[in-house]
Amino acid sequence: MLEKSNQKKPRNEMSMFVIVKREFVRDPGAMFALVILAIALLFIIIAPFFVDREYMLTVNPRRLNQPPSSTHWLGTEGAGRDVFSLLAVGAGNSLAVALAVTVLSNFIGISLGLITGYFGGRFDNIMMRIVDFIATLPTLVMIIAILAVVPGFSLFRFIAVMTFFSWVGTLRLIRANSLQEKELEYIQASKTVGTPHLKIVIKELLPNISSLIIVNLTLSAAANVGIETGLTFLGFGFPFDHPSLGSLIASASTIVVMQHRWWIWMPAAIFVLVLMFSINAVGKTLERATDARLRRG
C-alpha cells in the first residue's frame, strides 16, 4: 500500500501542473499577462545589478530634464538623475513593500478568519467588534495621519502602518466562507470521528477555500502596489533618496512636466498599470485552475 501511495503522489502533482497549464493555454489573455508579469519580474530582479546607485542618486545640474538618448535611455529628471536607473530600483522598492504588506496582512487575516469562522464564540464576537471599528475608519486618511505625525522615514513603520489597515477585509472574507464550510458534511463527519480541530482546519477547511485565498492574495498585491504608489505620490511614502514608482509619477505634479517631460513619469505609470493588470489576470487563471483541481478531488 505504501508503494502505491508513493506512485500516485507524483501523478497528482503533475495533474495540478497540467490543469494550470491548460487554463493558461485556453486563455490567450492570461498567457499574455503571465509573459508580461515574468518580464516585469525579471526586470525588477536583474536590472538593479546594472545600476550604479551612487551615480543614480547624484544630483547633476548639467543634465537636468534631458530627453531619452543613447546615454540615458529614459532621459533624466528634474535633479539630473537617470530615469531608467530610478525606475529599475524604484520598481523593486514598490513591489517589495506591496508583497510584504500582502503577505503580512493576509497571514493575519487568514489565521484570524479561520479561527473566528470555525470556532466562533466569545473570541469571534470580540474580533468582529474590533474589525467593525477599524472598518469604519477612513483607511487612507488614517495611514497618512499616522505617517505624518511620526517624523522621518522608516521602511518597517511604513509597512506596519499599511498592514494594520489591510487585514480586515481578508478576515471578513475568510470568516464568511469558513462559517459556510464548517456546516458541510465533510467537516461534520471529521468532527464525528474525533479528528482534532487543528487538523480539520489545516487539512480540510483551508484547502477548500484555497482558490479564494489565491485570488485575494493577487488582488491584494495589485492593490498594495497602487496604495504605495499613491502614498508616495502624496509625499507620505519613500523619500527622495529612496526611489519608487510613486516618486517618479509624483514628478507629473506640474503641468510642464506632465505635458513636455513625459519620459520622467510615463514609464513608471505604464509599469504600474501593466503590473496590476498582469497580477490580476494571472490570479484569476490560478483561481480557475484551483477550482478545477478541487472538483477532481
Protein backbone atom coordinates (compact mmCIF):
# COMPACT_ATOMS: atom_id res chain seq x y z
CA MET A 1 0.00 0.00 0.00
CA LEU A 2 2.88 2.33 0.78
CA GLU A 3 4.40 1.78 -2.66
CA LYS A 4 1.07 2.54 -4.36
CA SER A 5 0.65 5.79 -2.46
CA ASN A 6 4.18 6.83 -3.35
CA GLN A 7 3.47 6.15 -7.02
CA LYS A 8 0.30 8.23 -7.00
CA LYS A 9 1.79 11.32 -5.44
CA PRO A 10 3.86 12.50 -8.44
CA ARG A 11 0.86 11.86 -10.69
CA ASN A 12 -1.31 14.18 -8.54
CA GLU A 13 1.35 16.87 -8.57
CA MET A 14 1.68 16.56 -12.36
CA SER A 15 -2.08 16.70 -12.78
CA MET A 16 -2.17 20.05 -10.94
CA PHE A 17 0.58 21.36 -13.20
CA VAL A 18 -1.34 20.14 -16.25
CA ILE A 19 -4.53 21.83 -15.05
CA VAL A 20 -2.76 25.16 -14.53
CA LYS A 21 -1.07 24.87 -17.91
CA ARG A 22 -4.38 24.03 -19.59
CA GLU A 23 -6.10 27.09 -18.08
CA PHE A 24 -3.37 29.40 -19.34
CA VAL A 25 -3.37 27.81 -22.81
CA ARG A 26 -7.15 28.19 -23.06
CA ASP A 27 -6.98 31.90 -22.24
CA PRO A 28 -4.62 33.84 -24.54
CA GLY A 29 -5.10 36.95 -22.42
CA ALA A 30 -3.93 35.13 -19.30
CA MET A 31 -0.94 33.70 -21.15
CA PHE A 32 -0.01 37.17 -22.38
CA ALA A 33 -0.37 38.53 -18.84
CA LEU A 34 1.84 35.73 -17.50
CA VAL A 35 4.57 36.55 -20.02
CA ILE A 36 4.36 40.26 -19.25
CA LEU A 37 4.47 39.57 -15.50
CA ALA A 38 7.50 37.33 -15.94
CA ILE A 39 9.29 40.02 -17.96
CA ALA A 40 8.43 42.67 -15.35
CA LEU A 41 9.71 40.49 -12.51
CA LEU A 42 12.90 39.68 -14.39
CA PHE A 43 13.43 43.40 -14.95
CA ILE A 44 12.88 44.11 -11.24
CA ILE A 45 15.29 41.35 -10.20
CA ILE A 46 18.07 41.77 -12.79
CA ALA A 47 18.11 45.49 -13.67
CA PRO A 48 19.28 46.78 -10.24
CA PHE A 49 22.53 44.78 -10.59
CA PHE A 50 23.48 47.02 -13.53
CA VAL A 51 22.69 50.26 -11.71
CA ASP A 52 25.35 52.40 -10.06
CA ARG A 53 23.37 53.58 -7.04
CA GLU A 54 25.79 56.34 -6.16
CA TYR A 55 25.62 57.73 -9.69
CA MET A 56 21.84 57.25 -9.73
CA LEU A 57 21.32 59.44 -6.65
CA THR A 58 23.85 62.10 -7.64
CA VAL A 59 22.25 65.46 -8.41
CA ASN A 60 23.83 66.92 -11.56
CA PRO A 61 22.69 70.38 -12.74
CA ARG A 62 24.35 69.78 -16.13
CA ARG A 63 21.90 67.05 -17.14
CA LEU A 64 18.55 68.36 -15.90
CA ASN A 65 15.40 67.15 -17.71
CA GLN A 66 17.22 65.67 -20.69
CA PRO A 67 15.05 63.63 -23.11
CA PRO A 68 15.80 59.95 -23.85
CA SER A 69 19.13 59.34 -25.57
CA SER A 70 21.77 56.66 -26.03
CA THR A 71 23.40 57.83 -22.79
CA HIS A 72 20.19 57.97 -20.76
CA TRP A 73 17.65 55.52 -22.21
CA LEU A 74 14.70 57.15 -20.44
CA GLY A 75 16.22 60.59 -20.07
CA THR A 76 16.83 62.43 -16.81
CA GLU A 77 14.53 64.12 -14.32
CA GLY A 78 14.46 67.49 -12.57
CA ALA A 79 17.51 66.72 -10.40
CA GLY A 80 19.56 65.29 -13.26
CA ARG A 81 19.19 61.68 -12.15
CA ASP A 82 18.89 58.89 -14.72
CA VAL A 83 15.21 57.86 -15.02
CA PHE A 84 15.96 54.30 -16.15
CA SER A 85 18.07 53.69 -13.04
CA LEU A 86 15.38 55.21 -10.82
CA LEU A 87 12.75 53.02 -12.49
CA ALA A 88 14.84 49.86 -12.09
CA VAL A 89 15.42 50.41 -8.36
CA GLY A 90 12.08 52.09 -7.67
CA ALA A 91 10.03 49.25 -9.15
CA GLY A 92 11.80 46.81 -6.83
CA ASN A 93 11.17 49.04 -3.80
CA SER A 94 7.47 49.43 -4.60
CA LEU A 95 6.95 45.73 -5.26
CA ALA A 96 8.87 44.72 -2.13
CA VAL A 97 6.62 46.90 0.04
CA ALA A 98 3.48 45.64 -1.70
CA LEU A 99 4.49 41.99 -1.26
CA ALA A 100 5.48 42.48 2.38
CA VAL A 101 2.15 44.13 3.20
CA THR A 102 0.26 41.46 1.22
CA VAL A 103 1.95 38.54 2.99
CA LEU A 104 1.64 40.01 6.48
CA SER A 105 -1.95 41.24 6.14
CA ASN A 106 -3.15 38.00 4.54
CA PHE A 107 -1.39 35.88 7.14
CA ILE A 108 -3.13 37.82 9.90
CA GLY A 109 -6.49 37.92 8.13
CA ILE A 110 -6.49 34.25 7.08
CA SER A 111 -5.37 33.00 10.50
CA LEU A 112 -7.91 35.05 12.44
CA GLY A 113 -10.62 34.40 9.83
CA LEU A 114 -10.22 30.63 10.13
CA ILE A 115 -10.24 30.77 13.92
CA THR A 116 -13.25 33.07 14.23
CA GLY A 117 -15.19 31.32 11.48
CA TYR A 118 -14.56 27.76 12.65
CA PHE A 119 -14.69 28.15 16.44
CA GLY A 120 -16.97 31.19 16.85
CA GLY A 121 -17.84 32.00 20.45
CA ARG A 122 -16.63 34.93 22.54
CA PHE A 123 -13.37 35.38 20.63
CA ASP A 124 -15.36 35.73 17.41
CA ASN A 125 -17.60 38.40 18.96
CA ILE A 126 -14.62 40.40 20.26
CA MET A 127 -12.74 40.18 16.97
CA MET A 128 -15.74 41.25 14.93
CA ARG A 129 -16.22 44.32 17.10
CA ILE A 130 -12.58 45.24 16.53
CA VAL A 131 -12.96 44.61 12.80
CA ASP A 132 -16.12 46.74 12.65
CA PHE A 133 -14.31 49.60 14.39
CA ILE A 134 -11.27 49.50 12.08
CA ALA A 135 -13.52 49.17 9.01
CA THR A 136 -15.33 52.40 9.91
CA LEU A 137 -12.08 54.38 9.84
CA PRO A 138 -11.09 56.20 6.64
CA THR A 139 -8.13 53.97 5.78
CA LEU A 140 -6.10 56.24 3.53
CA VAL A 141 -6.63 59.28 5.77
CA MET A 142 -5.57 57.32 8.86
CA ILE A 143 -2.44 55.98 7.16
CA ILE A 144 -1.48 59.49 6.05
CA ALA A 145 -2.17 60.91 9.51
CA ILE A 146 0.00 58.31 11.26
CA LEU A 147 2.86 58.67 8.78
CA ALA A 148 2.67 62.47 9.01
CA VAL A 149 2.77 62.54 12.82
CA VAL A 150 5.89 60.38 13.15
CA PRO A 151 8.95 62.27 11.78
CA GLY A 152 11.44 60.62 9.43
CA PHE A 153 11.04 57.66 7.11
CA SER A 154 11.18 54.07 8.30
CA LEU A 155 10.50 51.18 5.91
CA PHE A 156 9.39 48.98 8.80
CA ARG A 157 6.95 51.62 10.06
CA PHE A 158 5.65 52.22 6.54
CA ILE A 159 4.90 48.50 6.06
CA ALA A 160 3.47 48.13 9.58
CA VAL A 161 1.01 51.01 9.17
CA MET A 162 -0.21 49.74 5.79
CA THR A 163 -0.55 46.20 7.19
CA PHE A 164 -2.56 47.37 10.20
CA PHE A 165 -5.34 48.64 7.95
CA SER A 166 -5.15 45.88 5.32
CA TRP A 167 -6.03 42.63 7.13
CA VAL A 168 -9.65 43.49 8.00
CA GLY A 169 -11.14 42.70 4.59
CA THR A 170 -9.30 39.38 4.40
CA LEU A 171 -10.56 38.34 7.84
CA ARG A 172 -14.16 39.08 6.90
CA LEU A 173 -13.83 37.17 3.63
CA ILE A 174 -12.23 34.07 5.17
CA ARG A 175 -14.57 34.10 8.18
CA ALA A 176 -17.68 34.21 6.00
CA ASN A 177 -16.52 31.26 3.91
CA SER A 178 -15.36 29.32 6.98
CA LEU A 179 -18.80 29.71 8.52
CA GLN A 180 -20.32 28.12 5.41
CA GLU A 181 -17.74 25.36 5.05
CA LYS A 182 -17.87 24.17 8.66
CA GLU A 183 -21.55 23.26 8.29
CA LEU A 184 -20.91 20.95 5.33
CA GLU A 185 -20.91 17.18 5.65
CA TYR A 186 -17.18 16.58 5.28
CA ILE A 187 -16.41 18.84 8.26
CA GLN A 188 -19.19 17.34 10.37
CA ALA A 189 -18.00 13.82 9.50
CA SER A 190 -14.46 14.66 10.61
CA LYS A 191 -15.76 16.03 13.89
CA THR A 192 -17.84 12.89 14.42
CA VAL A 193 -14.86 10.54 14.09
CA GLY A 194 -12.86 12.68 16.52
CA THR A 195 -10.41 14.40 14.17
CA PRO A 196 -8.55 17.18 16.02
CA HIS A 197 -9.85 20.67 15.24
CA LEU A 198 -6.44 21.95 14.14
CA LYS A 199 -6.12 19.10 11.63
CA ILE A 200 -9.62 19.78 10.29
CA VAL A 201 -8.84 23.47 9.81
CA ILE A 202 -5.45 22.97 8.15
CA LYS A 203 -6.01 19.83 6.07
CA GLU A 204 -9.71 20.06 5.19
CA LEU A 205 -11.12 23.55 5.64
CA LEU A 206 -8.12 25.53 4.38
CA PRO A 207 -7.62 23.59 1.09
CA ASN A 208 -11.29 24.02 0.19
CA ILE A 209 -11.05 27.80 0.33
CA SER A 210 -7.58 27.92 -1.25
CA SER A 211 -8.88 29.32 -4.54
CA LEU A 212 -10.44 32.20 -2.65
CA ILE A 213 -7.16 32.81 -0.83
CA ILE A 214 -5.20 32.83 -4.10
CA VAL A 215 -7.49 35.41 -5.64
CA ASN A 216 -7.39 37.53 -2.50
CA LEU A 217 -3.58 37.39 -2.45
CA THR A 218 -3.27 38.52 -6.05
CA LEU A 219 -5.86 41.26 -5.74
CA SER A 220 -4.24 42.45 -2.51
CA ALA A 221 -0.79 42.54 -4.12
CA ALA A 222 -2.06 44.61 -7.03
CA ALA A 223 -3.98 46.92 -4.72
CA ASN A 224 -1.00 47.42 -2.41
CA VAL A 225 1.17 48.44 -5.35
CA GLY A 226 -1.41 51.13 -6.09
CA ILE A 227 -1.65 52.21 -2.43
CA GLU A 228 2.13 52.51 -2.05
CA THR A 229 2.30 54.48 -5.29
CA GLY A 230 -0.48 56.79 -4.15
CA LEU A 231 1.05 57.42 -0.72
CA THR A 232 4.45 58.21 -2.21
CA PHE A 233 2.79 60.43 -4.83
CA LEU A 234 1.19 62.41 -1.99
CA GLY A 235 4.53 62.70 -0.18
CA PHE A 236 3.96 60.19 2.62
CA GLY A 237 5.95 57.26 1.25
CA PHE A 238 9.51 56.81 0.03
CA PRO A 239 11.71 59.92 0.35
CA PHE A 240 13.90 61.50 -2.34
CA ASP A 241 16.88 59.18 -1.76
CA HIS A 242 14.71 56.02 -1.91
CA PRO A 243 13.23 55.93 -5.44
CA SER A 244 9.91 54.22 -6.10
CA LEU A 245 7.26 54.14 -8.80
CA GLY A 246 5.24 56.68 -6.81
CA SER A 247 8.09 59.17 -6.59
CA LEU A 248 8.56 59.07 -10.37
CA ILE A 249 4.84 59.53 -11.01
CA ALA A 250 4.86 62.39 -8.49
CA SER A 251 7.09 64.29 -10.91
CA ALA A 252 3.96 64.88 -13.01
CA SER A 253 2.52 67.19 -10.37
CA THR A 254 3.33 70.19 -12.56
CA ILE A 255 1.80 70.96 -15.94
CA VAL A 256 5.21 71.48 -17.55
CA VAL A 257 6.45 68.01 -16.61
CA MET A 258 3.15 66.35 -17.49
CA GLN A 259 2.93 67.87 -20.95
CA HIS A 260 6.53 68.33 -22.05
CA ARG A 261 8.63 65.91 -19.98
CA TRP A 262 6.63 62.72 -20.32
CA TRP A 263 9.72 60.49 -20.11
CA ILE A 264 10.03 61.24 -16.38
CA TRP A 265 6.66 59.93 -15.22
CA MET A 266 5.07 57.94 -18.06
CA PRO A 267 7.34 54.82 -17.87
CA ALA A 268 6.54 54.44 -14.15
CA ALA A 269 2.81 54.97 -14.72
CA ILE A 270 2.76 52.37 -17.51
CA PHE A 271 4.78 49.97 -15.35
CA VAL A 272 2.23 50.26 -12.51
CA LEU A 273 -0.71 49.66 -14.85
CA VAL A 274 0.96 46.69 -16.54
CA LEU A 275 1.97 45.16 -13.20
CA MET A 276 -1.52 45.47 -11.70
CA PHE A 277 -3.23 44.13 -14.84
CA SER A 278 -0.91 41.12 -15.18
CA ILE A 279 -1.13 40.17 -11.49
CA ASN A 280 -4.94 40.28 -11.59
CA ALA A 281 -5.16 38.24 -14.80
CA VAL A 282 -2.77 35.57 -13.53
CA GLY A 283 -4.63 35.37 -10.22
CA LYS A 284 -7.98 34.80 -11.93
CA THR A 285 -6.49 31.99 -14.01
CA LEU A 286 -4.99 30.33 -10.93
CA GLU A 287 -8.41 30.54 -9.30
CA ARG A 288 -9.98 28.62 -12.16
CA ALA A 289 -7.21 26.03 -12.05
CA THR A 290 -7.61 25.54 -8.29
CA ASP A 291 -11.37 25.17 -8.60
CA ALA A 292 -10.89 22.57 -11.34
CA ARG A 293 -8.39 20.67 -9.19
CA LEU A 294 -10.82 20.60 -6.24
CA ARG A 295 -13.64 19.31 -8.45
CA ARG A 296 -11.40 16.44 -9.50
CA GLY A 297 -10.71 15.66 -5.85
